[in-house]
Amino acid sequence: MSTGELLSIEPQELEFAFELKKQISCSMQLRNKTDNHVAFKVKTTNPKKYCVRPNTGIVLPRSTCDVMVTMQAQKEAPLDMQCKDKFLLQSAVASPGTTPKDITPELFNKESGNQVEECKLKVNYVTPRQPPSPVREGSEEGSSPRGSISENGTVNTIESNAAPRSLAESNEKSSEARALISKLTEEKNSAVQQINKLHKELELLKRGGNKSSGGIPFIYVVIIGLIGLLVGYLLK
């Protein structure tokens, strides 16, 4: 903090987090240490490069005033990030009721007998601070699962929580498949029994037909055809 009899200025040096093609601002605080009204004026060696708001003003007794200094966007970085720009802050005792419009260059003229103070401020460029990396609340797609430690010290992961669910679903599907296979097996066994029964009946009919007429009636041919269709269906 730079301390004079009229104003204390903080900080002593203006620091800009330099970035190309971007406006950068920093602020300084002026504190009136007296019971008088104090006028101030801010000058710079490079007025086209900086914008100061306010560049003139009045600081009331025992009060403070914030001044914002904005550096225009720069197309090139200075060599070794060194800056030769400087600021000059002039302060002088003003009459009560003085407004910023009443401030004239003569007010800061020591030869006129006014109490005037001057403070020089250097400019420094610093590296911009990197924002902290955001913490992901849950594992994203394609990333490895996160683990958590329970009270008893065991590690629980997403995979361990998902495994019981997957196992239960697999067991349920297996039970359904076994039930379906069992049902189909019973139907197949029943069909085989029907075929065997039809074969026996056919043999009996053949024997009876041979004894009576010596030929195979038309009904036998139909029954044989039905048996062939049923066997073909079961073998698919």
C-alpha atoms as a PDB file:
ATOM      1  CA  MET A   1       0.000   0.000   0.000  1.00  0.00           C
ATOM      2  CA  SER A   2       1.342   3.425  -0.987  1.00  0.00           C
ATOM      3  CA  THR A   3       0.746   5.937   1.764  1.00  0.00           C
ATOM      4  CA  GLY A   4       0.800   9.706   1.476  1.00  0.00           C
ATOM      5  CA  GLU A   5      -0.542  12.431   3.724  1.00  0.00           C
ATOM      6  CA  LEU A   6      -3.752  12.735   1.696  1.00  0.00           C
ATOM      7  CA  LEU A   7      -4.531   9.383   0.099  1.00  0.00           C
ATOM      8  CA  SER A   8      -3.452   5.803   0.604  1.00  0.00           C
ATOM      9  CA  ILE A   9      -3.413   3.754  -2.602  1.00  0.00           C
ATOM     10  CA  GLU A  10      -3.810   0.000  -2.889  1.00  0.00           C
ATOM     11  CA  PRO A  11      -2.200  -1.826  -4.638  1.00  0.00           C
ATOM     12  CA  GLN A  12       1.157  -0.176  -5.245  1.00  0.00           C
ATOM     13  CA  GLU A  13       1.476  -1.827  -8.681  1.00  0.00           C
ATOM     14  CA  LEU A  14      -1.210  -2.507 -11.267  1.00  0.00           C
ATOM     15  CA  GLU A  15      -1.285  -6.161 -12.275  1.00  0.00           C
ATOM     16  CA  PHE A  16      -2.982  -7.387 -15.463  1.00  0.00           C
ATOM     17  CA  ALA A  17      -3.586 -11.088 -16.178  1.00  0.00           C
ATOM     18  CA  PHE A  18      -2.359 -10.713 -19.766  1.00  0.00           C
ATOM     19  CA  GLU A  19      -4.242 -12.508 -22.561  1.00  0.00           C
ATOM     20  CA  LEU A  20      -4.030 -11.764 -26.264  1.00  0.00           C
ATOM     21  CA  LYS A  21      -7.040 -10.133 -27.962  1.00  0.00           C
ATOM     22  CA  LYS A  22      -8.876  -9.650 -24.680  1.00  0.00           C
ATOM     23  CA  GLN A  23      -9.666  -6.604 -22.565  1.00  0.00           C
ATOM     24  CA  ILE A  24      -8.240  -6.912 -19.065  1.00  0.00           C
ATOM     25  CA  SER A  25      -9.122  -4.847 -16.011  1.00  0.00           C
ATOM     26  CA  CYS A  26      -7.729  -4.252 -12.569  1.00  0.00           C
ATOM     27  CA  SER A  27      -8.807  -1.917  -9.798  1.00  0.00           C
ATOM     28  CA  MET A  28      -7.182   0.258  -7.187  1.00  0.00           C
ATOM     29  CA  GLN A  29      -8.691   1.739  -4.067  1.00  0.00           C
ATOM     30  CA  LEU A  30      -8.100   5.298  -2.896  1.00  0.00           C
ATOM     31  CA  ARG A  31      -8.690   6.055   0.792  1.00  0.00           C
ATOM     32  CA  ASN A  32      -8.914   9.594   2.105  1.00  0.00           C
ATOM     33  CA  LYS A  33      -6.944   9.812   5.359  1.00  0.00           C
ATOM     34  CA  THR A  34      -7.921  13.392   6.140  1.00  0.00           C
ATOM     35  CA  ASP A  35     -10.965  15.379   7.188  1.00  0.00           C
ATOM     36  CA  ASN A  36     -10.793  17.352   3.947  1.00  0.00           C
ATOM     37  CA  HIS A  37     -12.192  16.755   0.484  1.00  0.00           C
ATOM     38  CA  VAL A  38      -9.402  15.390  -1.714  1.00  0.00           C
ATOM     39  CA  ALA A  39      -9.434  15.667  -5.501  1.00  0.00           C
ATOM     40  CA  PHE A  40      -7.498  13.195  -7.633  1.00  0.00           C
ATOM     41  CA  LYS A  41      -6.462  12.746 -11.233  1.00  0.00           C
ATOM     42  CA  VAL A  42      -4.979   9.665 -12.939  1.00  0.00           C
ATOM     43  CA  LYS A  43      -2.510   9.970 -15.818  1.00  0.00           C
ATOM     44  CA  THR A  44      -0.689   7.319 -17.835  1.00  0.00           C
ATOM     45  CA  THR A  45       2.273   7.215 -20.199  1.00  0.00           C
ATOM     46  CA  ASN A  46       0.162   5.296 -22.758  1.00  0.00           C
ATOM     47  CA  PRO A  47      -3.334   6.862 -22.802  1.00  0.00           C
ATOM     48  CA  LYS A  48      -4.433   5.049 -26.001  1.00  0.00           C
ATOM     49  CA  LYS A  49      -3.803   1.676 -24.402  1.00  0.00           C
ATOM     50  CA  TYR A  50      -5.702   2.195 -21.144  1.00  0.00           C
ATOM     51  CA  CYS A  51      -9.122   3.411 -20.065  1.00  0.00           C
ATOM     52  CA  VAL A  52      -9.462   4.780 -16.512  1.00  0.00           C
ATOM     53  CA  ARG A  53     -12.870   5.185 -14.851  1.00  0.00           C
ATOM     54  CA  PRO A  54     -13.054   7.598 -13.170  1.00  0.00           C
ATOM     55  CA  ASN A  55      -9.841   9.353 -14.171  1.00  0.00           C
ATOM     56  CA  THR A  56     -10.744  12.361 -11.985  1.00  0.00           C
ATOM     57  CA  GLY A  57     -12.899  12.604  -8.886  1.00  0.00           C
ATOM     58  CA  ILE A  58     -13.416  13.665  -5.300  1.00  0.00           C
ATOM     59  CA  VAL A  59     -12.796  11.433  -2.282  1.00  0.00           C
ATOM     60  CA  LEU A  60     -14.875  12.520   0.692  1.00  0.00           C
ATOM     61  CA  PRO A  61     -13.295  12.796   4.151  1.00  0.00           C
ATOM     62  CA  ARG A  62     -12.413   9.422   5.705  1.00  0.00           C
ATOM     63  CA  SER A  63     -13.981   7.538   2.800  1.00  0.00           C
ATOM     64  CA  THR A  64     -12.779   5.468  -0.137  1.00  0.00           C
ATOM     65  CA  CYS A  65     -13.101   5.489  -3.917  1.00  0.00           C
ATOM     66  CA  ASP A  66     -12.535   2.614  -6.368  1.00  0.00           C
ATOM     67  CA  VAL A  67     -10.843   3.282  -9.700  1.00  0.00           C
ATOM     68  CA  MET A  68     -11.062   0.739 -12.563  1.00  0.00           C
ATOM     69  CA  VAL A  69      -8.231   0.564 -15.087  1.00  0.00           C
ATOM     70  CA  THR A  70      -8.933  -1.369 -18.311  1.00  0.00           C
ATOM     71  CA  MET A  71      -6.252  -2.347 -20.802  1.00  0.00           C
ATOM     72  CA  GLN A  72      -7.453  -2.597 -24.392  1.00  0.00           C
ATOM     73  CA  ALA A  73      -7.129  -5.922 -26.227  1.00  0.00           C
ATOM     74  CA  GLN A  74      -3.558  -6.465 -27.437  1.00  0.00           C
ATOM     75  CA  LYS A  75      -2.607  -8.228 -30.675  1.00  0.00           C
ATOM     76  CA  GLU A  76       0.940  -9.075 -29.579  1.00  0.00           C
ATOM     77  CA  ALA A  77       2.538 -10.046 -26.307  1.00  0.00           C
ATOM     78  CA  PRO A  78       5.418  -7.891 -25.050  1.00  0.00           C
ATOM     79  CA  LEU A  79       8.927  -9.330 -24.970  1.00  0.00           C
ATOM     80  CA  ASP A  80       9.515 -11.364 -21.792  1.00  0.00           C
ATOM     81  CA  MET A  81       6.104 -10.148 -20.557  1.00  0.00           C
ATOM     82  CA  GLN A  82       7.715  -6.914 -19.406  1.00  0.00           C
ATOM     83  CA  CYS A  83       5.709  -3.676 -19.460  1.00  0.00           C
ATOM     84  CA  LYS A  84       7.208  -0.193 -19.330  1.00  0.00           C
ATOM     85  CA  ASP A  85       3.902   1.631 -18.925  1.00  0.00           C
ATOM     86  CA  LYS A  86       3.407   3.740 -15.798  1.00  0.00           C
ATOM     87  CA  PHE A  87       0.604   5.620 -14.087  1.00  0.00           C
ATOM     88  CA  LEU A  88       0.717   8.855 -12.112  1.00  0.00           C
ATOM     89  CA  LEU A  89      -1.921   9.608  -9.498  1.00  0.00           C
ATOM     90  CA  GLN A  90      -2.125  13.253  -8.390  1.00  0.00           C
ATOM     91  CA  SER A  91      -4.098  14.301  -5.329  1.00  0.00           C
ATOM     92  CA  ALA A  92      -4.815  17.727  -3.826  1.00  0.00           C
ATOM     93  CA  VAL A  93      -6.953  19.231  -1.078  1.00  0.00           C
ATOM     94  CA  ALA A  94     -10.208  20.620  -2.479  1.00  0.00           C
ATOM     95  CA  SER A  95     -12.786  22.968  -1.031  1.00  0.00           C
ATOM     96  CA  PRO A  96     -15.942  21.438   0.459  1.00  0.00           C
ATOM     97  CA  GLY A  97     -18.660  21.156  -2.164  1.00  0.00           C
ATOM     98  CA  THR A  98     -16.156  20.708  -5.017  1.00  0.00           C
ATOM     99  CA  THR A  99     -17.454  18.359  -7.732  1.00  0.00           C
ATOM    100  CA  PRO A 100     -15.522  16.441 -10.410  1.00  0.00           C
ATOM    101  CA  LYS A 101     -16.629  19.090 -12.920  1.00  0.00           C
ATOM    102  CA  ASP A 102     -14.846  21.732 -10.847  1.00  0.00           C
ATOM    103  CA  ILE A 103     -11.492  19.952 -11.044  1.00  0.00           C
ATOM    104  CA  THR A 104      -8.997  21.878 -13.215  1.00  0.00           C
ATOM    105  CA  PRO A 105      -5.279  21.359 -13.992  1.00  0.00           C
ATOM    106  CA  GLU A 106      -4.470  24.386 -11.809  1.00  0.00           C
ATOM    107  CA  LEU A 107      -5.707  22.484  -8.751  1.00  0.00           C
ATOM    108  CA  PHE A 108      -2.704  20.124  -9.064  1.00  0.00           C
ATOM    109  CA  ASN A 109      -0.189  22.910  -9.618  1.00  0.00           C
ATOM    110  CA  LYS A 110       2.210  23.089  -6.679  1.00  0.00           C
ATOM    111  CA  GLU A 111       3.354  26.565  -7.687  1.00  0.00           C
ATOM    112  CA  SER A 112      -0.120  27.924  -6.931  1.00  0.00           C
ATOM    113  CA  GLY A 113       0.361  27.013  -3.280  1.00  0.00           C
ATOM    114  CA  ASN A 114      -1.943  23.983  -3.235  1.00  0.00           C
ATOM    115  CA  GLN A 115      -1.150  20.902  -1.171  1.00  0.00           C
ATOM    116  CA  VAL A 116      -0.423  18.374  -3.924  1.00  0.00           C
ATOM    117  CA  GLU A 117       0.847  14.784  -3.756  1.00  0.00           C
ATOM    118  CA  GLU A 118       1.976  12.533  -6.587  1.00  0.00           C
ATOM    119  CA  CYS A 119       2.314   8.741  -6.641  1.00  0.00           C
ATOM    120  CA  LYS A 120       3.798   6.678  -9.493  1.00  0.00           C
ATOM    121  CA  LEU A 121       2.414   3.215 -10.177  1.00  0.00           C
ATOM    122  CA  LYS A 122       4.126   0.514 -12.254  1.00  0.00           C
ATOM    123  CA  VAL A 123       2.345  -1.972 -14.511  1.00  0.00           C
ATOM    124  CA  ASN A 124       3.029  -5.711 -14.343  1.00  0.00           C
ATOM    125  CA  TYR A 125       1.764  -8.536 -16.528  1.00  0.00           C
ATOM    126  CA  VAL A 126       1.001 -11.823 -14.798  1.00  0.00           C
ATOM    127  CA  THR A 127      -0.049 -15.247 -16.072  1.00  0.00           C
ATOM    128  CA  PRO A 128      -3.827 -15.803 -15.966  1.00  0.00           C
ATOM    129  CA  ARG A 129      -5.010 -18.189 -13.285  1.00  0.00           C
ATOM    130  CA  GLN A 130      -6.311 -21.489 -14.596  1.00  0.00           C
ATOM    131  CA  PRO A 131      -9.818 -22.401 -13.355  1.00  0.00           C
ATOM    132  CA  PRO A 132     -10.010 -25.609 -11.295  1.00  0.00           C
ATOM    133  CA  SER A 133     -11.043 -28.730 -13.169  1.00  0.00           C
ATOM    134  CA  PRO A 134     -14.693 -29.565 -12.558  1.00  0.00           C
ATOM    135  CA  VAL A 135     -15.292 -32.745 -10.575  1.00  0.00           C
ATOM    136  CA  ARG A 136     -17.552 -35.124 -12.419  1.00  0.00           C
ATOM    137  CA  GLU A 137     -20.454 -36.299 -10.286  1.00  0.00           C
ATOM    138  CA  GLY A 138     -20.611 -39.716 -11.940  1.00  0.00           C
ATOM    139  CA  SER A 139     -18.563 -41.729 -14.376  1.00  0.00           C
ATOM    140  CA  GLU A 140     -19.245 -40.751 -17.975  1.00  0.00           C
ATOM    141  CA  GLU A 141     -19.740 -43.055 -20.919  1.00  0.00           C
ATOM    142  CA  GLY A 142     -16.482 -44.753 -21.808  1.00  0.00           C
ATOM    143  CA  SER A 143     -14.790 -43.972 -18.494  1.00  0.00           C
ATOM    144  CA  SER A 144     -13.836 -46.447 -15.844  1.00  0.00           C
ATOM    145  CA  PRO A 145     -16.281 -46.928 -12.962  1.00  0.00           C
ATOM    146  CA  ARG A 146     -15.636 -45.043  -9.747  1.00  0.00           C
ATOM    147  CA  GLY A 147     -15.389 -46.764  -6.376  1.00  0.00           C
ATOM    148  CA  SER A 148     -16.561 -45.804  -2.926  1.00  0.00           C
ATOM    149  CA  ILE A 149     -15.381 -46.981   0.455  1.00  0.00           C
ATOM    150  CA  SER A 150     -18.014 -48.177   2.884  1.00  0.00           C
ATOM    151  CA  GLU A 151     -17.873 -47.867   6.667  1.00  0.00           C
ATOM    152  CA  ASN A 152     -16.309 -51.295   7.093  1.00  0.00           C
ATOM    153  CA  GLY A 153     -13.510 -50.443   4.664  1.00  0.00           C
ATOM    154  CA  THR A 154     -14.709 -52.464   1.687  1.00  0.00           C
ATOM    155  CA  VAL A 155     -14.631 -50.948  -1.762  1.00  0.00           C
ATOM    156  CA  ASN A 156     -17.888 -50.829  -3.686  1.00  0.00           C
ATOM    157  CA  THR A 157     -17.923 -50.078  -7.381  1.00  0.00           C
ATOM    158  CA  ILE A 158     -20.647 -49.562  -9.939  1.00  0.00           C
ATOM    159  CA  GLU A 159     -19.777 -52.943 -11.403  1.00  0.00           C
ATOM    160  CA  SER A 160     -20.234 -54.701  -8.054  1.00  0.00           C
ATOM    161  CA  ASN A 161     -23.648 -53.090  -7.659  1.00  0.00           C
ATOM    162  CA  ALA A 162     -24.664 -54.011 -11.185  1.00  0.00           C
ATOM    163  CA  ALA A 163     -23.420 -57.628 -10.957  1.00  0.00           C
ATOM    164  CA  PRO A 164     -26.227 -58.949  -8.693  1.00  0.00           C
ATOM    165  CA  ARG A 165     -28.831 -57.404 -10.975  1.00  0.00           C
ATOM    166  CA  SER A 166     -27.235 -58.971 -14.062  1.00  0.00           C
ATOM    167  CA  LEU A 167     -26.948 -62.353 -12.323  1.00  0.00           C
ATOM    168  CA  ALA A 168     -30.596 -62.288 -11.265  1.00  0.00           C
ATOM    169  CA  GLU A 169     -31.721 -61.379 -14.780  1.00  0.00           C
ATOM    170  CA  SER A 170     -29.577 -64.204 -16.215  1.00  0.00           C
ATOM    171  CA  ASN A 171     -31.020 -66.738 -13.745  1.00  0.00           C
ATOM    172  CA  GLU A 172     -34.556 -65.631 -14.542  1.00  0.00           C
ATOM    173  CA  LYS A 173     -33.974 -66.020 -18.297  1.00  0.00           C
ATOM    174  CA  SER A 174     -32.371 -69.446 -17.734  1.00  0.00           C
ATOM    175  CA  SER A 175     -35.416 -70.587 -15.745  1.00  0.00           C
ATOM    176  CA  GLU A 176     -37.739 -69.424 -18.520  1.00  0.00           C
ATOM    177  CA  ALA A 177     -35.631 -71.228 -21.137  1.00  0.00           C
ATOM    178  CA  ARG A 178     -35.609 -74.471 -19.121  1.00  0.00           C
ATOM    179  CA  ALA A 179     -39.390 -74.308 -18.680  1.00  0.00           C
ATOM    180  CA  LEU A 180     -39.864 -73.763 -22.420  1.00  0.00           C
ATOM    181  CA  ILE A 181     -37.540 -76.685 -23.278  1.00  0.00           C
ATOM    182  CA  SER A 182     -39.367 -78.938 -20.817  1.00  0.00           C
ATOM    183  CA  LYS A 183     -42.714 -78.013 -22.339  1.00  0.00           C
ATOM    184  CA  LEU A 184     -41.478 -78.672 -25.886  1.00  0.00           C
ATOM    185  CA  THR A 185     -39.984 -82.012 -24.772  1.00  0.00           C
ATOM    186  CA  GLU A 186     -43.302 -83.088 -23.277  1.00  0.00           C
ATOM    187  CA  GLU A 187     -45.140 -82.106 -26.460  1.00  0.00           C
ATOM    188  CA  LYS A 188     -42.592 -84.010 -28.553  1.00  0.00           C
ATOM    189  CA  ASN A 189     -42.904 -87.133 -26.354  1.00  0.00           C
ATOM    190  CA  SER A 190     -46.688 -86.943 -26.597  1.00  0.00           C
ATOM    191  CA  ALA A 191     -46.477 -86.657 -30.401  1.00  0.00           C
ATOM    192  CA  VAL A 192     -44.100 -89.648 -30.575  1.00  0.00           C
ATOM    193  CA  GLN A 193     -46.534 -91.681 -28.512  1.00  0.00           C
ATOM    194  CA  GLN A 194     -49.366 -90.741 -30.857  1.00  0.00           C
ATOM    195  CA  ILE A 195     -47.254 -91.778 -33.854  1.00  0.00           C
ATOM    196  CA  ASN A 196     -46.413 -95.122 -32.264  1.00  0.00           C
ATOM    197  CA  LYS A 197     -50.089 -95.654 -31.515  1.00  0.00           C
ATOM    198  CA  LEU A 198     -51.010 -94.842 -35.122  1.00  0.00           C
ATOM    199  CA  HIS A 199     -48.327 -97.252 -36.354  1.00  0.00           C
ATOM    200  CA  LYS A 200     -49.791-100.050 -34.259  1.00  0.00           C
ATOM    201  CA  GLU A 201     -53.299 -99.309 -35.473  1.00  0.00           C
ATOM    202  CA  LEU A 202     -52.045 -99.201 -39.048  1.00  0.00           C
ATOM    203  CA  GLU A 203     -50.411-102.600 -38.656  1.00  0.00           C
ATOM    204  CA  LEU A 204     -53.622-104.025 -37.309  1.00  0.00           C
ATOM    205  CA  LEU A 205     -55.569-102.515 -40.188  1.00  0.00           C
ATOM    206  CA  LYS A 206     -53.076-103.903 -42.692  1.00  0.00           C
ATOM    207  CA  ARG A 207     -53.410-107.386 -41.244  1.00  0.00           C
ATOM    208  CA  GLY A 208     -57.177-107.185 -41.236  1.00  0.00           C
ATOM    209  CA  GLY A 209     -57.223-105.850 -44.813  1.00  0.00           C
ATOM    210  CA  ASN A 210     -54.926-108.591 -46.086  1.00  0.00           C
ATOM    211  CA  LYS A 211     -57.145-111.262 -44.627  1.00  0.00           C
ATOM    212  CA  SER A 212     -60.331-109.813 -46.056  1.00  0.00           C
ATOM    213  CA  SER A 213     -59.459-108.533 -49.518  1.00  0.00           C
ATOM    214  CA  GLY A 214     -55.735-108.954 -50.011  1.00  0.00           C
ATOM    215  CA  GLY A 215     -55.252-105.226 -50.809  1.00  0.00           C
ATOM    216  CA  ILE A 216     -54.687-101.935 -48.937  1.00  0.00           C
ATOM    217  CA  PRO A 217     -57.838 -99.807 -48.678  1.00  0.00           C
ATOM    218  CA  PHE A 218     -57.751 -96.081 -49.535  1.00  0.00           C
ATOM    219  CA  ILE A 219     -58.125 -95.114 -45.842  1.00  0.00           C
ATOM    220  CA  TYR A 220     -54.749 -96.733 -45.128  1.00  0.00           C
ATOM    221  CA  VAL A 221     -53.066 -94.519 -47.697  1.00  0.00           C
ATOM    222  CA  VAL A 222     -54.566 -91.387 -46.116  1.00  0.00           C
ATOM    223  CA  ILE A 223     -53.422 -92.432 -42.646  1.00  0.00           C
ATOM    224  CA  ILE A 224     -49.866 -93.107 -43.900  1.00  0.00           C
ATOM    225  CA  GLY A 225     -49.765 -89.661 -45.507  1.00  0.00           C
ATOM    226  CA  LEU A 226     -50.899 -87.964 -42.274  1.00  0.00           C
ATOM    227  CA  ILE A 227     -48.232 -89.826 -40.318  1.00  0.00           C
ATOM    228  CA  GLY A 228     -45.571 -88.678 -42.785  1.00  0.00           C
ATOM    229  CA  LEU A 229     -46.684 -85.040 -42.455  1.00  0.00           C
ATOM    230  CA  LEU A 230     -46.648 -85.245 -38.656  1.00  0.00           C
ATOM    231  CA  VAL A 231     -43.156 -86.775 -38.592  1.00  0.00           C
ATOM    232  CA  GLY A 232     -41.856 -84.116 -40.980  1.00  0.00           C
ATOM    233  CA  TYR A 233     -43.299 -81.340 -38.776  1.00  0.00           C
ATOM    234  CA  LEU A 234     -41.668 -82.749 -35.660  1.00  0.00           C
ATOM    235  CA  LEU A 235     -38.275 -83.070 -37.329  1.00  0.00           C
ATOM    236  CA  LYS A 236     -38.147 -79.337 -38.264  1.00  0.00           C
END
